[in-house]
Each structure stands twice: as C-alpha cells, then as structure tokens.
C-alpha cells in the first residue's frame, strides 16, 4: 500500500518544507513495516463441537511476508472418532503452497494446512493417517509454524 501523505510539514511558518515529520505519515509508515502481533483462537472444526482449552495462542505477522503461529491447546476428554481439525488461523493460508507445522513439545504430530486453507489437519507421524478426536482425548498439543498468508 503506497504512502500518499506528505512526509514533511512547514514547521516554522516560512512557507518552506520543515524538518518535523508529519505524525500521521509516520504512523502509516510504521504500520507498513512493523509486524502485527496478536492473539488467535484455535477452535475445533472437526464437526464434533469440542471446546478446546487454550493456555496460549499467539501470532506474529510480518507485513507482506509470513505469519508465525504458536499455540498450546488441550483437547477435552472425548470418544468422538471424527478426524481432528483445528481452525481459527489468524489469516488464511495462501494458495501458493501448503504449510506444515511441527510440535514444540509433547505428543508427536504433524500439522498440515492445505493451499488456500484455514484449518490445521493433525496427522500421526508413525502411520501417516489423520488423527481422530478420540486419539487426542485429554492430550496437550503444542505447535509452532510459519506460513504465507493469502
């Protein structure tokens, strides 16, 4: 997004450009170069209606670049056998390429987001199959990853 405001203002009334940078222009510039940092809310999108417990979910978005996500998710006790999926990514994944996330600690999983997708699929690395909600019953999931937003 181009900056369209004048960067300099007449600071002394002489009619010549001064040396004080216009605050609105500065803020627009900072918004373009500073990363966006925030909280995201992982939610169950498997269709089972599970309520996930969160003890931390953060993201850092570098404008025009990448999004790094971090989350600590605790699955509730369940016997539901639908494939486990986590939604609520702060930005959808680009159609450029799929994204893969890996666990920080805890249960071994492989996390995958399809091209253009906005939900995380959870796979068992030993079998290559998608985990069910029942497999994750009571599990603590710690994940971290980087992807290119749409």
N, C-alpha and C. Protein backbone atom coordinates (compact mmCIF):
# COMPACT_ATOMS: atom_id res chain seq x y z
N UNK A 1 0.85 -1.15 0.00
CA UNK A 1 0.00 0.00 0.00
C UNK A 1 0.90 1.22 0.00
N UNK A 2 0.82 2.08 -0.99
CA UNK A 2 1.70 3.24 -1.06
C UNK A 2 1.31 4.30 -0.04
N UNK A 3 2.29 5.03 0.41
CA UNK A 3 2.06 6.14 1.32
C UNK A 3 1.74 7.36 0.46
N UNK A 4 0.58 7.97 0.70
CA UNK A 4 0.13 9.07 -0.14
C UNK A 4 0.19 10.41 0.57
N UNK A 5 0.52 10.43 1.86
CA UNK A 5 0.57 11.69 2.60
C UNK A 5 1.92 12.35 2.45
N UNK A 6 1.97 13.64 2.71
CA UNK A 6 3.23 14.37 2.69
C UNK A 6 3.99 14.07 3.96
N UNK A 7 5.25 13.70 3.80
CA UNK A 7 6.05 13.32 4.95
C UNK A 7 6.50 14.51 5.78
N UNK A 8 6.73 15.63 5.15
CA UNK A 8 7.27 16.79 5.85
C UNK A 8 6.22 17.91 5.89
N UNK A 9 6.26 18.69 6.92
CA UNK A 9 5.33 19.81 7.03
C UNK A 9 6.12 21.10 7.27
N UNK A 10 5.45 22.22 7.04
CA UNK A 10 6.06 23.52 7.29
C UNK A 10 6.02 23.73 8.81
N UNK A 11 7.17 23.62 9.46
CA UNK A 11 7.19 23.68 10.91
C UNK A 11 7.45 25.08 11.47
N UNK A 12 7.83 26.05 10.64
CA UNK A 12 8.16 27.37 11.17
C UNK A 12 7.34 28.50 10.54
N UNK A 13 6.39 28.15 9.68
CA UNK A 13 5.53 29.16 9.06
C UNK A 13 6.19 29.95 7.95
N UNK A 14 7.36 29.56 7.52
CA UNK A 14 8.09 30.31 6.49
C UNK A 14 7.64 29.96 5.08
N UNK A 15 6.83 28.93 4.94
CA UNK A 15 6.41 28.51 3.61
C UNK A 15 7.37 27.53 2.98
N UNK A 16 8.43 27.16 3.66
CA UNK A 16 9.34 26.15 3.15
C UNK A 16 9.13 24.86 3.93
N UNK A 17 9.52 23.76 3.33
CA UNK A 17 9.35 22.47 3.99
C UNK A 17 10.23 22.41 5.23
N UNK A 18 9.63 22.02 6.31
CA UNK A 18 10.36 21.94 7.58
C UNK A 18 10.97 20.58 7.81
N UNK A 19 11.35 20.34 9.03
CA UNK A 19 12.04 19.10 9.37
C UNK A 19 11.23 18.22 10.31
N UNK A 20 10.04 18.60 10.64
CA UNK A 20 9.21 17.77 11.51
C UNK A 20 8.42 16.79 10.65
N UNK A 21 8.52 15.53 10.96
CA UNK A 21 7.80 14.52 10.19
C UNK A 21 6.35 14.49 10.66
N UNK A 22 5.45 14.56 9.72
CA UNK A 22 4.02 14.51 9.99
C UNK A 22 3.69 13.20 10.72
N UNK A 23 3.03 13.29 11.88
CA UNK A 23 2.76 12.12 12.70
C UNK A 23 1.88 11.09 11.99
N UNK A 24 0.89 11.52 11.24
CA UNK A 24 0.02 10.58 10.52
C UNK A 24 0.83 9.79 9.49
N UNK A 25 1.74 10.47 8.81
CA UNK A 25 2.60 9.80 7.83
C UNK A 25 3.50 8.79 8.52
N UNK A 26 4.09 9.19 9.65
CA UNK A 26 4.95 8.27 10.40
C UNK A 26 4.19 7.01 10.81
N UNK A 27 2.97 7.18 11.32
CA UNK A 27 2.19 6.03 11.79
C UNK A 27 1.87 5.10 10.64
N UNK A 28 1.52 5.66 9.48
CA UNK A 28 1.23 4.83 8.32
C UNK A 28 2.47 4.04 7.89
N UNK A 29 3.63 4.70 7.92
CA UNK A 29 4.87 4.02 7.59
C UNK A 29 5.15 2.89 8.58
N UNK A 30 5.03 3.17 9.87
CA UNK A 30 5.30 2.15 10.89
C UNK A 30 4.34 0.96 10.73
N UNK A 31 3.09 1.25 10.43
CA UNK A 31 2.12 0.17 10.25
C UNK A 31 2.49 -0.74 9.09
N UNK A 32 3.18 -0.19 8.09
CA UNK A 32 3.57 -0.99 6.94
C UNK A 32 4.81 -1.82 7.18
N UNK A 33 5.70 -1.38 8.06
CA UNK A 33 6.95 -2.11 8.25
C UNK A 33 7.00 -2.91 9.54
N UNK A 34 6.18 -2.58 10.52
CA UNK A 34 6.20 -3.31 11.78
C UNK A 34 5.35 -4.58 11.68
N UNK A 35 5.78 -5.64 12.34
CA UNK A 35 4.97 -6.85 12.31
C UNK A 35 3.71 -6.69 13.15
N UNK A 36 2.65 -7.35 12.72
CA UNK A 36 1.44 -7.41 13.52
C UNK A 36 1.56 -8.56 14.50
N UNK A 37 1.35 -8.29 15.75
CA UNK A 37 1.45 -9.32 16.78
C UNK A 37 0.11 -9.39 17.48
N UNK A 38 -0.36 -10.59 17.73
CA UNK A 38 -1.65 -10.70 18.39
C UNK A 38 -1.95 -12.09 18.91
N UNK A 39 -3.17 -12.23 19.34
CA UNK A 39 -3.68 -13.49 19.88
C UNK A 39 -4.62 -14.08 18.84
N UNK A 40 -4.55 -15.39 18.62
CA UNK A 40 -5.52 -16.06 17.77
C UNK A 40 -6.21 -17.13 18.61
N UNK A 41 -7.37 -17.56 18.18
CA UNK A 41 -8.16 -18.51 18.96
C UNK A 41 -8.36 -19.80 18.20
N UNK A 42 -7.55 -20.83 18.52
CA UNK A 42 -7.78 -22.14 17.90
C UNK A 42 -9.14 -22.70 18.32
N UNK A 43 -9.89 -23.23 17.37
CA UNK A 43 -11.20 -23.82 17.64
C UNK A 43 -11.31 -25.17 16.96
N UNK A 44 -12.15 -26.03 17.50
CA UNK A 44 -12.42 -27.33 16.89
C UNK A 44 -13.30 -27.11 15.67
N UNK A 45 -12.85 -27.58 14.50
CA UNK A 45 -13.67 -27.51 13.29
C UNK A 45 -13.88 -28.91 12.71
N UNK A 46 -13.79 -29.91 13.57
CA UNK A 46 -13.99 -31.29 13.13
C UNK A 46 -15.47 -31.62 12.97
N UNK A 47 -16.32 -30.78 13.52
CA UNK A 47 -17.75 -31.06 13.48
C UNK A 47 -18.24 -31.72 14.76
N UNK A 48 -17.32 -32.01 15.70
CA UNK A 48 -17.69 -32.67 16.95
C UNK A 48 -18.15 -31.68 18.02
N UNK A 49 -17.94 -30.38 17.79
CA UNK A 49 -18.36 -29.38 18.76
C UNK A 49 -17.54 -29.39 20.04
N UNK A 50 -16.28 -29.78 19.95
CA UNK A 50 -15.42 -29.83 21.14
C UNK A 50 -15.02 -28.43 21.57
N UNK A 51 -14.88 -28.25 22.88
CA UNK A 51 -14.40 -26.99 23.42
C UNK A 51 -12.94 -27.20 23.82
N UNK A 52 -12.05 -26.54 23.10
CA UNK A 52 -10.61 -26.67 23.36
C UNK A 52 -10.21 -25.71 24.46
N UNK A 53 -9.30 -26.16 25.33
CA UNK A 53 -8.75 -25.29 26.37
C UNK A 53 -7.44 -24.72 25.85
N UNK A 54 -7.30 -23.42 25.97
CA UNK A 54 -6.11 -22.74 25.45
C UNK A 54 -5.32 -22.13 26.60
N UNK A 55 -4.02 -22.37 26.57
CA UNK A 55 -3.20 -21.67 27.55
C UNK A 55 -2.20 -20.77 26.85
N UNK A 56 -2.41 -20.56 25.59
CA UNK A 56 -1.57 -19.63 24.84
C UNK A 56 -1.70 -19.86 23.36
N UNK A 57 -1.98 -18.82 22.63
CA UNK A 57 -2.03 -18.89 21.16
C UNK A 57 -1.71 -17.49 20.66
N UNK A 58 -0.57 -17.36 20.04
CA UNK A 58 -0.09 -16.06 19.58
C UNK A 58 0.33 -16.14 18.11
N UNK A 59 0.37 -14.99 17.45
CA UNK A 59 0.89 -14.95 16.09
C UNK A 59 1.72 -13.68 15.92
N UNK A 60 2.58 -13.73 14.91
CA UNK A 60 3.37 -12.57 14.50
C UNK A 60 3.29 -12.52 12.98
N UNK A 61 2.74 -11.44 12.45
CA UNK A 61 2.56 -11.29 11.00
C UNK A 61 3.50 -10.21 10.50
N UNK A 62 4.43 -10.58 9.65
CA UNK A 62 5.32 -9.62 9.02
C UNK A 62 4.62 -9.18 7.75
N UNK A 63 4.32 -7.88 7.64
CA UNK A 63 3.52 -7.35 6.54
C UNK A 63 4.04 -7.82 5.19
N UNK A 64 3.16 -8.43 4.40
CA UNK A 64 3.51 -8.87 3.07
C UNK A 64 4.42 -10.09 3.04
N UNK A 65 4.62 -10.72 4.19
CA UNK A 65 5.56 -11.83 4.23
C UNK A 65 4.99 -13.11 4.78
N UNK A 66 5.27 -13.37 6.02
CA UNK A 66 4.92 -14.64 6.64
C UNK A 66 4.17 -14.42 7.95
N UNK A 67 3.49 -15.47 8.38
CA UNK A 67 2.83 -15.48 9.68
C UNK A 67 3.43 -16.63 10.48
N UNK A 68 3.89 -16.32 11.69
CA UNK A 68 4.35 -17.35 12.61
C UNK A 68 3.27 -17.53 13.66
N UNK A 69 2.90 -18.78 13.92
CA UNK A 69 1.89 -19.04 14.95
C UNK A 69 2.47 -19.96 16.01
N UNK A 70 1.95 -19.79 17.21
CA UNK A 70 2.32 -20.62 18.35
C UNK A 70 1.03 -20.90 19.11
N UNK A 71 0.87 -22.12 19.60
CA UNK A 71 -0.34 -22.43 20.35
C UNK A 71 -0.10 -23.58 21.31
N UNK A 72 -0.79 -23.52 22.43
CA UNK A 72 -0.83 -24.60 23.41
C UNK A 72 -2.31 -24.92 23.59
N UNK A 73 -2.72 -26.09 23.10
CA UNK A 73 -4.13 -26.48 23.06
C UNK A 73 -4.30 -27.77 23.85
N UNK A 74 -5.32 -27.81 24.70
CA UNK A 74 -5.62 -29.04 25.45
C UNK A 74 -6.97 -29.56 24.95
N UNK A 75 -6.96 -30.80 24.45
CA UNK A 75 -8.18 -31.43 23.97
C UNK A 75 -8.99 -31.94 25.14
N UNK A 76 -10.32 -31.84 25.06
CA UNK A 76 -11.16 -32.40 26.13
C UNK A 76 -11.24 -33.92 26.02
N UNK A 77 -11.68 -34.55 27.07
CA UNK A 77 -11.92 -36.00 27.02
C UNK A 77 -13.07 -36.25 26.05
N UNK A 78 -12.84 -37.14 25.09
CA UNK A 78 -13.88 -37.43 24.09
C UNK A 78 -13.65 -38.81 23.49
N UNK A 79 -14.73 -39.43 23.05
CA UNK A 79 -14.63 -40.70 22.33
C UNK A 79 -15.00 -40.50 20.86
N UNK A 80 -15.14 -39.24 20.43
CA UNK A 80 -15.54 -38.90 19.07
C UNK A 80 -14.45 -39.34 18.09
N UNK A 81 -14.86 -40.07 17.05
CA UNK A 81 -13.88 -40.62 16.10
C UNK A 81 -13.78 -39.83 14.79
N UNK A 82 -14.32 -38.61 14.74
CA UNK A 82 -14.15 -37.79 13.55
C UNK A 82 -12.69 -37.32 13.46
N UNK A 83 -12.20 -37.09 12.24
CA UNK A 83 -10.83 -36.57 12.10
C UNK A 83 -10.66 -35.23 12.82
N UNK A 84 -9.58 -35.10 13.58
CA UNK A 84 -9.32 -33.88 14.34
C UNK A 84 -8.85 -32.76 13.41
N UNK A 85 -9.41 -31.57 13.60
CA UNK A 85 -9.01 -30.38 12.84
C UNK A 85 -9.13 -29.17 13.73
N UNK A 86 -8.15 -28.28 13.62
CA UNK A 86 -8.17 -27.03 14.37
C UNK A 86 -8.31 -25.88 13.38
N UNK A 87 -9.25 -24.99 13.65
CA UNK A 87 -9.45 -23.82 12.80
C UNK A 87 -9.15 -22.56 13.57
N UNK A 88 -9.45 -21.44 12.94
CA UNK A 88 -9.26 -20.15 13.59
C UNK A 88 -7.92 -19.50 13.32
N UNK A 89 -7.20 -19.98 12.30
CA UNK A 89 -5.92 -19.34 11.98
C UNK A 89 -6.14 -17.83 11.83
N UNK A 90 -5.17 -17.02 12.25
CA UNK A 90 -5.36 -15.58 12.18
C UNK A 90 -5.51 -15.04 10.75
N UNK A 91 -4.93 -15.75 9.77
CA UNK A 91 -5.04 -15.38 8.36
C UNK A 91 -5.12 -16.69 7.58
N UNK A 92 -5.91 -16.76 6.50
CA UNK A 92 -5.93 -17.99 5.70
C UNK A 92 -4.58 -18.21 5.02
N UNK A 93 -4.27 -19.47 4.77
CA UNK A 93 -3.04 -19.83 4.07
C UNK A 93 -3.17 -19.40 2.60
N UNK A 94 -2.06 -19.06 1.98
CA UNK A 94 -2.10 -18.68 0.57
C UNK A 94 -2.35 -19.90 -0.30
N UNK A 95 -2.69 -19.65 -1.53
CA UNK A 95 -2.84 -20.76 -2.47
C UNK A 95 -1.48 -21.11 -3.07
N UNK A 96 -0.44 -20.40 -2.61
CA UNK A 96 0.92 -20.60 -3.11
C UNK A 96 1.43 -22.00 -2.79
N UNK A 97 1.26 -22.43 -1.56
CA UNK A 97 1.76 -23.75 -1.17
C UNK A 97 1.13 -24.19 0.15
N UNK A 98 1.09 -25.49 0.38
CA UNK A 98 0.60 -25.97 1.67
C UNK A 98 1.60 -25.61 2.76
N UNK A 99 1.15 -25.63 4.00
CA UNK A 99 2.02 -25.32 5.13
C UNK A 99 2.05 -26.52 6.07
N UNK A 100 3.19 -26.77 6.65
CA UNK A 100 3.33 -27.83 7.64
C UNK A 100 3.89 -27.26 8.92
N UNK A 101 3.28 -27.62 10.03
CA UNK A 101 3.74 -27.18 11.34
C UNK A 101 4.19 -28.41 12.11
N UNK A 102 5.01 -28.21 13.09
CA UNK A 102 5.53 -29.32 13.87
C UNK A 102 5.38 -29.05 15.35
N UNK A 103 5.29 -30.11 16.15
CA UNK A 103 5.08 -29.90 17.58
C UNK A 103 6.33 -29.30 18.24
N UNK A 104 6.09 -28.43 19.21
CA UNK A 104 7.21 -27.90 20.00
C UNK A 104 7.65 -28.96 21.01
N UNK A 105 6.68 -29.44 21.75
CA UNK A 105 6.91 -30.49 22.75
C UNK A 105 5.65 -31.33 22.84
N UNK A 106 5.72 -32.42 23.55
CA UNK A 106 4.51 -33.21 23.78
C UNK A 106 4.29 -34.27 22.71
N UNK A 107 3.03 -34.64 22.52
CA UNK A 107 2.61 -35.70 21.62
C UNK A 107 3.13 -35.47 20.20
N UNK A 108 3.70 -36.48 19.59
CA UNK A 108 4.22 -36.38 18.22
C UNK A 108 3.06 -36.26 17.23
N UNK A 109 3.07 -35.20 16.48
CA UNK A 109 2.06 -34.94 15.47
C UNK A 109 2.72 -34.24 14.30
N UNK A 110 2.06 -34.32 13.16
CA UNK A 110 2.41 -33.49 12.02
C UNK A 110 1.17 -32.66 11.74
N UNK A 111 1.35 -31.35 11.58
CA UNK A 111 0.25 -30.45 11.33
C UNK A 111 0.35 -29.96 9.89
N UNK A 112 -0.80 -29.90 9.21
CA UNK A 112 -0.80 -29.56 7.78
C UNK A 112 -1.95 -28.61 7.49
N UNK A 113 -1.67 -27.58 6.69
CA UNK A 113 -2.70 -26.67 6.20
C UNK A 113 -2.64 -26.72 4.68
N UNK A 114 -3.76 -27.00 4.04
CA UNK A 114 -3.78 -27.10 2.58
C UNK A 114 -3.62 -25.72 1.95
N UNK A 115 -3.24 -25.71 0.67
CA UNK A 115 -3.14 -24.45 -0.08
C UNK A 115 -4.49 -23.77 -0.08
N UNK A 116 -4.51 -22.51 0.33
CA UNK A 116 -5.75 -21.75 0.40
C UNK A 116 -6.62 -22.09 1.59
N UNK A 117 -6.17 -22.99 2.44
CA UNK A 117 -6.97 -23.44 3.58
C UNK A 117 -6.83 -22.57 4.81
N UNK A 118 -7.70 -22.83 5.78
CA UNK A 118 -7.62 -22.09 7.03
C UNK A 118 -7.83 -23.00 8.24
N UNK A 119 -7.61 -24.29 8.05
CA UNK A 119 -7.71 -25.22 9.16
C UNK A 119 -6.51 -26.15 9.18
N UNK A 120 -6.15 -26.56 10.38
CA UNK A 120 -4.97 -27.40 10.57
C UNK A 120 -5.42 -28.85 10.71
N UNK A 121 -4.88 -29.72 9.86
CA UNK A 121 -5.13 -31.15 9.93
C UNK A 121 -4.02 -31.76 10.78
N UNK A 122 -4.36 -32.72 11.61
CA UNK A 122 -3.39 -33.30 12.54
C UNK A 122 -3.16 -34.76 12.16
N UNK A 123 -1.91 -35.10 11.86
CA UNK A 123 -1.56 -36.45 11.42
C UNK A 123 -0.66 -37.15 12.42
N UNK A 124 -0.77 -38.48 12.45
CA UNK A 124 0.11 -39.33 13.24
C UNK A 124 1.35 -39.58 12.39
N UNK A 125 2.56 -39.17 12.84
CA UNK A 125 3.74 -39.33 12.00
C UNK A 125 4.15 -40.79 11.81
N UNK A 126 3.75 -41.67 12.72
CA UNK A 126 4.12 -43.09 12.60
C UNK A 126 3.32 -43.80 11.51
N UNK A 127 2.05 -43.41 11.34
CA UNK A 127 1.19 -44.09 10.38
C UNK A 127 0.88 -43.25 9.15
N UNK A 128 1.03 -41.93 9.25
CA UNK A 128 0.69 -41.05 8.15
C UNK A 128 -0.80 -40.81 8.00
N UNK A 129 -1.58 -41.27 8.96
CA UNK A 129 -3.03 -41.10 8.91
C UNK A 129 -3.45 -39.93 9.79
N UNK A 130 -4.60 -39.36 9.44
CA UNK A 130 -5.11 -38.24 10.22
C UNK A 130 -5.60 -38.73 11.57
N UNK A 131 -5.23 -38.02 12.62
CA UNK A 131 -5.66 -38.40 13.97
C UNK A 131 -7.15 -38.11 14.16
N UNK A 132 -7.78 -38.90 15.02
CA UNK A 132 -9.17 -38.66 15.38
C UNK A 132 -9.21 -37.86 16.67
N UNK A 133 -10.37 -37.29 16.95
CA UNK A 133 -10.55 -36.58 18.22
C UNK A 133 -10.31 -37.51 19.39
N UNK A 134 -10.74 -38.78 19.28
CA UNK A 134 -10.55 -39.75 20.36
C UNK A 134 -9.06 -39.99 20.64
N UNK A 135 -8.24 -40.01 19.60
CA UNK A 135 -6.80 -40.18 19.80
C UNK A 135 -6.18 -39.02 20.57
N UNK A 136 -6.78 -37.84 20.42
CA UNK A 136 -6.26 -36.65 21.08
C UNK A 136 -6.96 -36.36 22.41
N UNK A 137 -7.87 -37.24 22.83
CA UNK A 137 -8.62 -37.06 24.06
C UNK A 137 -7.69 -36.79 25.25
N UNK A 138 -7.84 -35.61 25.86
CA UNK A 138 -7.02 -35.24 27.01
C UNK A 138 -5.60 -34.83 26.69
N UNK A 139 -5.22 -34.81 25.42
CA UNK A 139 -3.84 -34.51 25.03
C UNK A 139 -3.55 -33.01 25.05
N UNK A 140 -2.31 -32.70 25.35
CA UNK A 140 -1.83 -31.32 25.26
C UNK A 140 -1.08 -31.20 23.93
N UNK A 141 -1.52 -30.29 23.10
CA UNK A 141 -0.91 -30.08 21.79
C UNK A 141 -0.16 -28.76 21.82
N UNK A 142 1.13 -28.81 21.59
CA UNK A 142 1.94 -27.60 21.46
C UNK A 142 2.42 -27.54 20.02
N UNK A 143 2.10 -26.46 19.34
CA UNK A 143 2.52 -26.38 17.94
C UNK A 143 3.11 -25.01 17.64
N UNK A 144 3.95 -25.01 16.64
CA UNK A 144 4.55 -23.78 16.14
C UNK A 144 4.73 -23.95 14.64
N UNK A 145 4.56 -22.88 13.90
CA UNK A 145 4.76 -22.98 12.46
C UNK A 145 4.77 -21.62 11.81
N UNK A 146 5.18 -21.63 10.56
CA UNK A 146 5.24 -20.41 9.76
C UNK A 146 4.56 -20.72 8.43
N UNK A 147 3.72 -19.78 7.98
CA UNK A 147 3.08 -19.97 6.68
C UNK A 147 2.94 -18.63 5.99
N UNK A 148 2.64 -18.69 4.69
CA UNK A 148 2.45 -17.48 3.88
C UNK A 148 0.96 -17.19 3.81
N UNK A 149 0.53 -16.02 4.32
CA UNK A 149 -0.90 -15.72 4.31
C UNK A 149 -1.40 -15.38 2.90
N UNK A 150 -2.70 -15.58 2.74
CA UNK A 150 -3.35 -15.26 1.45
C UNK A 150 -3.35 -13.77 1.21
